Amino acid sequence: SAVERVSSTKFLGVHITEDLTWTTNTMSLSKKAQQRLHFLRRLKRASLPPPILTTFYRGTIESVLTSCITVWYGNCSAADRKTLQRTVNTVAKIIGAPLPPFWTFSLHDAQVKPPVSSCHQEDATGASEPALQDCSTAFSLRALNSNHLTPL
């Protein structure tokens, strides 16, 4: 049977284009984040303190901006990165507190993953047995990095 050819598709929330540019995905993420800025502004008008506004930002806007970031950020254009950074700058102005630059999100996601070998310890005979404390730490870091809610 014939397969329909499309210029872009949305797979697991990520817009993938036939030329593998990420502008469509970036624009979609930016639009979602801009819509959520309305609620942040309303909370600011209600005189909430900056720590609460920052928590709201991290839960509702930053989570959108960093959705599947390890897939697309490495190959997005400078203009796309600037678009996303503009949103973070707007949030910082609303909150009235400094926020880290957008590019630090991708570095954090890429560097925090613990090594697989940290879940095992070797005894004097060379046999490997699980180190429960190390495994639970590695498991919880993996859960945080993958943006999934998994039981510990």
N, C-alpha and C. Protein backbone atom coordinates (compact mmCIF):
# COMPACT_ATOMS: atom_id res chain seq x y z
N SER A 1 0.83 -1.18 0.00
CA SER A 1 0.00 0.00 0.00
C SER A 1 0.88 1.26 0.00
N ALA A 2 0.35 2.33 -0.49
CA ALA A 2 1.09 3.59 -0.60
C ALA A 2 1.13 4.29 0.75
N VAL A 3 2.27 4.88 1.04
CA VAL A 3 2.46 5.64 2.26
C VAL A 3 2.37 7.11 1.92
N GLU A 4 1.55 7.83 2.67
CA GLU A 4 1.39 9.26 2.42
C GLU A 4 2.63 10.00 2.89
N ARG A 5 3.14 10.89 2.07
CA ARG A 5 4.29 11.70 2.42
C ARG A 5 3.80 13.03 2.97
N VAL A 6 4.32 13.41 4.15
CA VAL A 6 3.94 14.67 4.78
C VAL A 6 5.19 15.49 5.05
N SER A 7 5.01 16.79 5.15
CA SER A 7 6.17 17.65 5.39
C SER A 7 6.55 17.68 6.88
N SER A 8 5.58 17.45 7.77
CA SER A 8 5.90 17.38 9.20
C SER A 8 4.85 16.53 9.90
N THR A 9 5.27 16.01 11.03
CA THR A 9 4.36 15.20 11.85
C THR A 9 4.67 15.45 13.31
N LYS A 10 3.71 15.17 14.15
CA LYS A 10 3.91 15.32 15.58
C LYS A 10 3.96 13.92 16.19
N PHE A 11 5.09 13.61 16.82
CA PHE A 11 5.28 12.30 17.43
C PHE A 11 5.68 12.48 18.88
N LEU A 12 4.84 11.97 19.79
CA LEU A 12 5.08 12.10 21.23
C LEU A 12 5.32 13.56 21.64
N GLY A 13 4.57 14.47 21.03
CA GLY A 13 4.65 15.88 21.40
C GLY A 13 5.76 16.66 20.73
N VAL A 14 6.56 16.00 19.88
CA VAL A 14 7.66 16.67 19.19
C VAL A 14 7.31 16.79 17.71
N HIS A 15 7.40 18.00 17.18
CA HIS A 15 7.15 18.23 15.76
C HIS A 15 8.41 17.90 14.97
N ILE A 16 8.31 16.93 14.09
CA ILE A 16 9.45 16.50 13.27
C ILE A 16 9.14 16.86 11.82
N THR A 17 10.06 17.60 11.19
CA THR A 17 9.86 17.99 9.79
C THR A 17 10.71 17.11 8.88
N GLU A 18 10.37 17.12 7.60
CA GLU A 18 11.08 16.26 6.65
C GLU A 18 12.54 16.69 6.48
N ASP A 19 12.85 17.97 6.70
CA ASP A 19 14.24 18.41 6.57
C ASP A 19 14.96 18.44 7.93
N LEU A 20 14.31 17.94 8.97
CA LEU A 20 14.86 17.83 10.32
C LEU A 20 15.31 19.17 10.91
N THR A 21 14.59 20.23 10.57
CA THR A 21 14.79 21.50 11.26
C THR A 21 13.79 21.53 12.41
N TRP A 22 14.09 22.30 13.42
CA TRP A 22 13.28 22.28 14.63
C TRP A 22 12.48 23.57 14.82
N THR A 23 12.34 24.37 13.77
CA THR A 23 11.60 25.62 13.90
C THR A 23 10.13 25.38 14.22
N THR A 24 9.50 24.42 13.59
CA THR A 24 8.10 24.11 13.87
C THR A 24 7.93 23.70 15.32
N ASN A 25 8.81 22.86 15.81
CA ASN A 25 8.75 22.41 17.20
C ASN A 25 8.98 23.58 18.15
N THR A 26 9.97 24.41 17.85
CA THR A 26 10.28 25.56 18.70
C THR A 26 9.11 26.53 18.76
N MET A 27 8.51 26.80 17.62
CA MET A 27 7.37 27.71 17.60
C MET A 27 6.20 27.15 18.41
N SER A 28 5.98 25.86 18.31
CA SER A 28 4.91 25.22 19.08
C SER A 28 5.18 25.33 20.58
N LEU A 29 6.40 25.06 21.01
CA LEU A 29 6.75 25.17 22.42
C LEU A 29 6.65 26.61 22.91
N SER A 30 7.10 27.54 22.08
CA SER A 30 7.05 28.95 22.44
C SER A 30 5.60 29.41 22.60
N LYS A 31 4.74 28.97 21.71
CA LYS A 31 3.33 29.35 21.77
C LYS A 31 2.68 28.81 23.05
N LYS A 32 2.96 27.56 23.39
CA LYS A 32 2.42 26.98 24.63
C LYS A 32 2.91 27.76 25.85
N ALA A 33 4.18 28.09 25.86
CA ALA A 33 4.75 28.83 26.99
C ALA A 33 4.13 30.22 27.09
N GLN A 34 3.94 30.89 25.96
CA GLN A 34 3.35 32.23 25.95
C GLN A 34 1.93 32.20 26.51
N GLN A 35 1.19 31.15 26.21
CA GLN A 35 -0.17 31.02 26.73
C GLN A 35 -0.17 30.90 28.25
N ARG A 36 0.83 30.25 28.80
CA ARG A 36 0.92 30.07 30.24
C ARG A 36 1.42 31.33 30.96
N LEU A 37 2.04 32.24 30.23
CA LEU A 37 2.49 33.51 30.82
C LEU A 37 1.32 34.32 31.37
N HIS A 38 0.16 34.15 30.77
CA HIS A 38 -1.04 34.86 31.24
C HIS A 38 -1.30 34.53 32.71
N PHE A 39 -1.20 33.26 33.06
CA PHE A 39 -1.47 32.84 34.43
C PHE A 39 -0.38 33.34 35.39
N LEU A 40 0.85 33.37 34.91
CA LEU A 40 1.94 33.90 35.73
C LEU A 40 1.72 35.39 36.02
N ARG A 41 1.27 36.13 35.02
CA ARG A 41 0.98 37.56 35.22
C ARG A 41 -0.15 37.76 36.21
N ARG A 42 -1.16 36.90 36.15
CA ARG A 42 -2.28 37.00 37.10
C ARG A 42 -1.80 36.73 38.52
N LEU A 43 -0.92 35.76 38.68
CA LEU A 43 -0.38 35.48 40.01
C LEU A 43 0.47 36.64 40.52
N LYS A 44 1.20 37.28 39.63
CA LYS A 44 2.02 38.45 40.00
C LYS A 44 1.11 39.58 40.48
N ARG A 45 0.00 39.80 39.76
CA ARG A 45 -0.95 40.85 40.16
C ARG A 45 -1.58 40.55 41.51
N ALA A 46 -1.63 39.27 41.88
CA ALA A 46 -2.18 38.89 43.18
C ALA A 46 -1.14 39.04 44.29
N SER A 47 0.00 39.63 43.97
CA SER A 47 1.08 39.95 44.92
C SER A 47 1.71 38.72 45.56
N LEU A 48 1.87 37.64 44.78
CA LEU A 48 2.57 36.47 45.30
C LEU A 48 4.07 36.74 45.28
N PRO A 49 4.81 36.19 46.25
CA PRO A 49 6.25 36.44 46.31
C PRO A 49 7.01 35.71 45.19
N PRO A 50 8.20 36.22 44.83
CA PRO A 50 8.98 35.61 43.75
C PRO A 50 9.26 34.11 43.89
N PRO A 51 9.50 33.57 45.10
CA PRO A 51 9.73 32.12 45.16
C PRO A 51 8.53 31.29 44.69
N ILE A 52 7.33 31.75 45.02
CA ILE A 52 6.14 31.02 44.56
C ILE A 52 5.96 31.18 43.06
N LEU A 53 6.21 32.38 42.55
CA LEU A 53 6.13 32.59 41.10
C LEU A 53 7.16 31.75 40.36
N THR A 54 8.35 31.61 40.93
CA THR A 54 9.39 30.79 40.32
C THR A 54 8.98 29.32 40.30
N THR A 55 8.37 28.87 41.38
CA THR A 55 7.89 27.48 41.43
C THR A 55 6.82 27.25 40.37
N PHE A 56 5.93 28.22 40.22
CA PHE A 56 4.89 28.11 39.19
C PHE A 56 5.53 28.07 37.80
N TYR A 57 6.52 28.93 37.58
CA TYR A 57 7.24 28.94 36.29
C TYR A 57 7.87 27.59 36.01
N ARG A 58 8.56 27.04 36.98
CA ARG A 58 9.25 25.77 36.77
C ARG A 58 8.27 24.64 36.46
N GLY A 59 7.12 24.66 37.08
CA GLY A 59 6.14 23.59 36.88
C GLY A 59 5.33 23.73 35.61
N THR A 60 5.04 24.95 35.19
CA THR A 60 4.13 25.12 34.05
C THR A 60 4.78 25.60 32.76
N ILE A 61 5.82 26.39 32.86
CA ILE A 61 6.44 26.95 31.66
C ILE A 61 7.75 26.26 31.33
N GLU A 62 8.63 26.13 32.31
CA GLU A 62 9.91 25.48 32.07
C GLU A 62 9.71 24.02 31.64
N SER A 63 8.71 23.36 32.21
CA SER A 63 8.46 21.97 31.82
C SER A 63 8.03 21.87 30.37
N VAL A 64 7.34 22.87 29.86
CA VAL A 64 6.96 22.89 28.44
C VAL A 64 8.19 23.14 27.58
N LEU A 65 8.99 24.13 27.97
CA LEU A 65 10.17 24.48 27.18
C LEU A 65 11.20 23.36 27.12
N THR A 66 11.28 22.55 28.16
CA THR A 66 12.29 21.49 28.20
C THR A 66 11.74 20.13 27.79
N SER A 67 10.53 20.10 27.30
CA SER A 67 9.93 18.84 26.87
C SER A 67 10.75 18.21 25.75
N CYS A 68 11.28 17.03 25.97
CA CYS A 68 12.11 16.29 25.01
C CYS A 68 13.30 17.10 24.52
N ILE A 69 13.86 17.92 25.37
CA ILE A 69 14.93 18.83 24.98
C ILE A 69 16.17 18.09 24.48
N THR A 70 16.44 16.92 25.00
CA THR A 70 17.63 16.18 24.58
C THR A 70 17.51 15.70 23.14
N VAL A 71 16.31 15.67 22.60
CA VAL A 71 16.10 15.24 21.22
C VAL A 71 16.38 16.38 20.24
N TRP A 72 15.86 17.55 20.52
CA TRP A 72 15.86 18.61 19.51
C TRP A 72 16.84 19.76 19.76
N TYR A 73 17.25 20.01 20.99
CA TYR A 73 18.01 21.23 21.26
C TYR A 73 19.37 21.26 20.57
N GLY A 74 20.05 20.14 20.48
CA GLY A 74 21.38 20.12 19.89
C GLY A 74 21.43 20.56 18.44
N ASN A 75 20.33 20.41 17.71
CA ASN A 75 20.31 20.76 16.30
C ASN A 75 19.40 21.93 15.96
N CYS A 76 18.87 22.62 16.96
CA CYS A 76 18.02 23.76 16.62
C CYS A 76 18.88 24.97 16.28
N SER A 77 18.33 25.87 15.51
CA SER A 77 19.10 27.02 15.04
C SER A 77 19.25 28.08 16.14
N ALA A 78 20.15 29.02 15.89
CA ALA A 78 20.37 30.12 16.83
C ALA A 78 19.11 30.96 16.98
N ALA A 79 18.37 31.13 15.90
CA ALA A 79 17.12 31.90 15.96
C ALA A 79 16.10 31.19 16.83
N ASP A 80 16.04 29.86 16.74
CA ASP A 80 15.12 29.10 17.59
C ASP A 80 15.50 29.23 19.06
N ARG A 81 16.79 29.15 19.34
CA ARG A 81 17.26 29.28 20.71
C ARG A 81 16.95 30.67 21.26
N LYS A 82 17.09 31.67 20.41
CA LYS A 82 16.81 33.05 20.81
C LYS A 82 15.32 33.21 21.14
N THR A 83 14.48 32.58 20.36
CA THR A 83 13.03 32.63 20.61
C THR A 83 12.70 32.07 21.98
N LEU A 84 13.30 30.93 22.31
CA LEU A 84 13.04 30.31 23.60
C LEU A 84 13.64 31.13 24.75
N GLN A 85 14.81 31.70 24.52
CA GLN A 85 15.44 32.53 25.56
C GLN A 85 14.61 33.79 25.82
N ARG A 86 13.98 34.32 24.78
CA ARG A 86 13.14 35.49 24.95
C ARG A 86 11.99 35.20 25.93
N THR A 87 11.44 34.00 25.84
CA THR A 87 10.37 33.61 26.75
C THR A 87 10.88 33.57 28.19
N VAL A 88 12.06 33.00 28.39
CA VAL A 88 12.65 32.93 29.74
C VAL A 88 12.94 34.34 30.25
N ASN A 89 13.41 35.23 29.39
CA ASN A 89 13.68 36.62 29.78
C ASN A 89 12.39 37.33 30.21
N THR A 90 11.31 37.06 29.49
CA THR A 90 10.01 37.64 29.84
C THR A 90 9.57 37.16 31.21
N VAL A 91 9.74 35.88 31.47
CA VAL A 91 9.38 35.32 32.78
C VAL A 91 10.20 35.99 33.88
N ALA A 92 11.48 36.18 33.65
CA ALA A 92 12.35 36.81 34.65
C ALA A 92 11.87 38.23 34.96
N LYS A 93 11.42 38.95 33.95
CA LYS A 93 10.91 40.31 34.17
C LYS A 93 9.62 40.27 34.99
N ILE A 94 8.74 39.32 34.69
CA ILE A 94 7.48 39.21 35.41
C ILE A 94 7.74 38.86 36.87
N ILE A 95 8.58 37.86 37.10
CA ILE A 95 8.87 37.39 38.46
C ILE A 95 9.65 38.44 39.24
N GLY A 96 10.55 39.13 38.56
CA GLY A 96 11.40 40.10 39.23
C GLY A 96 12.60 39.45 39.89
N ALA A 97 12.97 38.29 39.38
CA ALA A 97 14.14 37.57 39.91
C ALA A 97 14.90 36.97 38.73
N PRO A 98 16.22 36.87 38.84
CA PRO A 98 16.99 36.30 37.72
C PRO A 98 16.73 34.81 37.55
N LEU A 99 16.75 34.36 36.32
CA LEU A 99 16.61 32.95 35.98
C LEU A 99 17.82 32.52 35.17
N PRO A 100 18.19 31.24 35.23
CA PRO A 100 19.34 30.79 34.43
C PRO A 100 19.02 30.86 32.95
N PRO A 101 20.04 31.04 32.10
CA PRO A 101 19.81 31.07 30.66
C PRO A 101 19.20 29.76 30.17
N PHE A 102 18.46 29.83 29.10
CA PHE A 102 17.75 28.66 28.59
C PHE A 102 18.68 27.51 28.26
N TRP A 103 19.86 27.78 27.72
CA TRP A 103 20.74 26.70 27.29
C TRP A 103 21.23 25.84 28.44
N THR A 104 21.15 26.35 29.68
CA THR A 104 21.59 25.53 30.81
C THR A 104 20.65 24.35 31.07
N PHE A 105 19.40 24.44 30.60
CA PHE A 105 18.47 23.32 30.78
C PHE A 105 18.97 22.10 30.03
N SER A 106 19.42 22.30 28.79
CA SER A 106 19.86 21.15 27.99
C SER A 106 21.15 20.57 28.55
N LEU A 107 22.06 21.41 29.03
CA LEU A 107 23.29 20.90 29.62
C LEU A 107 23.00 20.10 30.88
N HIS A 108 22.07 20.60 31.69
CA HIS A 108 21.72 19.90 32.92
C HIS A 108 21.14 18.53 32.58
N ASP A 109 20.23 18.45 31.62
CA ASP A 109 19.63 17.17 31.25
C ASP A 109 20.66 16.20 30.71
N ALA A 110 21.65 16.70 29.98
CA ALA A 110 22.62 15.82 29.35
C ALA A 110 23.70 15.34 30.31
N GLN A 111 24.03 16.12 31.34
CA GLN A 111 25.17 15.78 32.18
C GLN A 111 24.83 15.09 33.50
N VAL A 112 23.61 15.09 33.95
CA VAL A 112 23.30 14.60 35.28
C VAL A 112 23.11 13.09 35.33
N LYS A 113 22.95 12.44 34.20
CA LYS A 113 22.68 11.00 34.21
C LYS A 113 23.83 10.24 34.86
N PRO A 114 23.50 9.42 35.88
CA PRO A 114 24.54 8.67 36.57
C PRO A 114 25.02 7.49 35.74
N PRO A 115 26.26 7.05 35.95
CA PRO A 115 26.74 5.90 35.22
C PRO A 115 26.03 4.63 35.67
N VAL A 116 25.82 3.71 34.75
CA VAL A 116 25.13 2.47 35.06
C VAL A 116 25.91 1.66 36.08
N SER A 117 27.23 1.69 36.03
CA SER A 117 28.06 0.90 36.93
C SER A 117 27.93 1.31 38.39
N SER A 118 27.32 2.47 38.68
CA SER A 118 27.20 2.92 40.06
C SER A 118 26.23 2.07 40.87
N CYS A 119 25.47 1.20 40.20
CA CYS A 119 24.50 0.38 40.92
C CYS A 119 25.09 -0.94 41.40
N HIS A 120 26.36 -1.18 41.19
CA HIS A 120 26.95 -2.44 41.63
C HIS A 120 28.28 -2.18 42.33
N GLN A 121 28.54 -3.00 43.34
CA GLN A 121 29.82 -2.95 44.03
C GLN A 121 30.47 -4.32 43.93
N GLU A 122 31.75 -4.33 43.78
CA GLU A 122 32.47 -5.60 43.74
C GLU A 122 33.04 -5.90 45.11
N ASP A 123 32.92 -7.18 45.53
CA ASP A 123 33.53 -7.58 46.79
C ASP A 123 34.94 -8.09 46.53
N ALA A 124 35.59 -8.65 47.54
CA ALA A 124 36.98 -9.09 47.42
C ALA A 124 37.17 -10.18 46.37
N THR A 125 36.12 -10.99 46.12
CA THR A 125 36.24 -12.07 45.13
C THR A 125 35.98 -11.59 43.72
N GLY A 126 35.57 -10.35 43.57
CA GLY A 126 35.28 -9.82 42.24
C GLY A 126 33.82 -9.98 41.85
N ALA A 127 33.02 -10.59 42.75
CA ALA A 127 31.59 -10.74 42.46
C ALA A 127 30.91 -9.39 42.62
N SER A 128 29.94 -9.15 41.79
CA SER A 128 29.25 -7.87 41.81
C SER A 128 27.92 -8.03 42.52
N GLU A 129 27.67 -7.16 43.49
CA GLU A 129 26.38 -7.18 44.16
C GLU A 129 25.84 -5.75 44.19
N PRO A 130 24.51 -5.63 44.17
CA PRO A 130 23.92 -4.29 44.13
C PRO A 130 24.24 -3.47 45.37
N ALA A 131 24.50 -2.23 45.16
CA ALA A 131 24.64 -1.28 46.26
C ALA A 131 23.33 -0.54 46.36
N LEU A 132 22.49 -0.92 47.31
CA LEU A 132 21.12 -0.43 47.35
C LEU A 132 21.03 1.09 47.42
N GLN A 133 21.86 1.71 48.22
CA GLN A 133 21.80 3.16 48.33
C GLN A 133 22.17 3.81 47.01
N ASP A 134 23.23 3.32 46.34
CA ASP A 134 23.64 3.88 45.06
C ASP A 134 22.57 3.67 44.01
N CYS A 135 21.93 2.49 43.99
CA CYS A 135 20.90 2.22 43.00
C CYS A 135 19.69 3.12 43.18
N SER A 136 19.29 3.33 44.44
CA SER A 136 18.12 4.18 44.65
C SER A 136 18.43 5.61 44.24
N THR A 137 19.65 6.08 44.49
CA THR A 137 20.04 7.41 44.07
C THR A 137 20.06 7.51 42.56
N ALA A 138 20.67 6.52 41.91
CA ALA A 138 20.73 6.54 40.44
C ALA A 138 19.34 6.45 39.86
N PHE A 139 18.48 5.62 40.45
CA PHE A 139 17.11 5.47 39.95
C PHE A 139 16.35 6.77 40.08
N SER A 140 16.49 7.44 41.23
CA SER A 140 15.76 8.69 41.41
C SER A 140 16.29 9.78 40.49
N LEU A 141 17.62 9.82 40.22
CA LEU A 141 18.16 10.80 39.28
C LEU A 141 17.67 10.51 37.87
N ARG A 142 17.61 9.24 37.50
CA ARG A 142 17.09 8.90 36.16
C ARG A 142 15.64 9.33 36.04
N ALA A 143 14.85 9.12 37.10
CA ALA A 143 13.45 9.51 37.07
C ALA A 143 13.32 11.01 36.92
N LEU A 144 14.16 11.78 37.63
CA LEU A 144 14.11 13.23 37.50
C LEU A 144 14.53 13.68 36.11
N ASN A 145 15.56 13.06 35.54
CA ASN A 145 16.06 13.47 34.24
C ASN A 145 15.10 13.13 33.12
N SER A 146 14.36 12.03 33.26
CA SER A 146 13.49 11.61 32.17
C SER A 146 12.15 12.31 32.22
N ASN A 147 11.93 13.16 33.23
CA ASN A 147 10.67 13.90 33.38
C ASN A 147 9.48 12.99 33.48
N HIS A 148 9.66 11.80 34.04
CA HIS A 148 8.57 10.87 34.26
C HIS A 148 8.36 10.72 35.75
N LEU A 149 7.14 10.45 36.13
CA LEU A 149 6.85 10.16 37.51
C LEU A 149 6.92 8.65 37.67
N THR A 150 7.96 8.15 38.26
CA THR A 150 8.11 6.73 38.46
C THR A 150 8.25 6.45 39.95
N PRO A 151 7.68 5.33 40.41
CA PRO A 151 7.79 5.04 41.84
C PRO A 151 9.20 4.72 42.25
N LEU A 152 9.59 5.11 43.43
CA LEU A 152 10.92 4.81 43.95
C LEU A 152 10.88 3.57 44.78
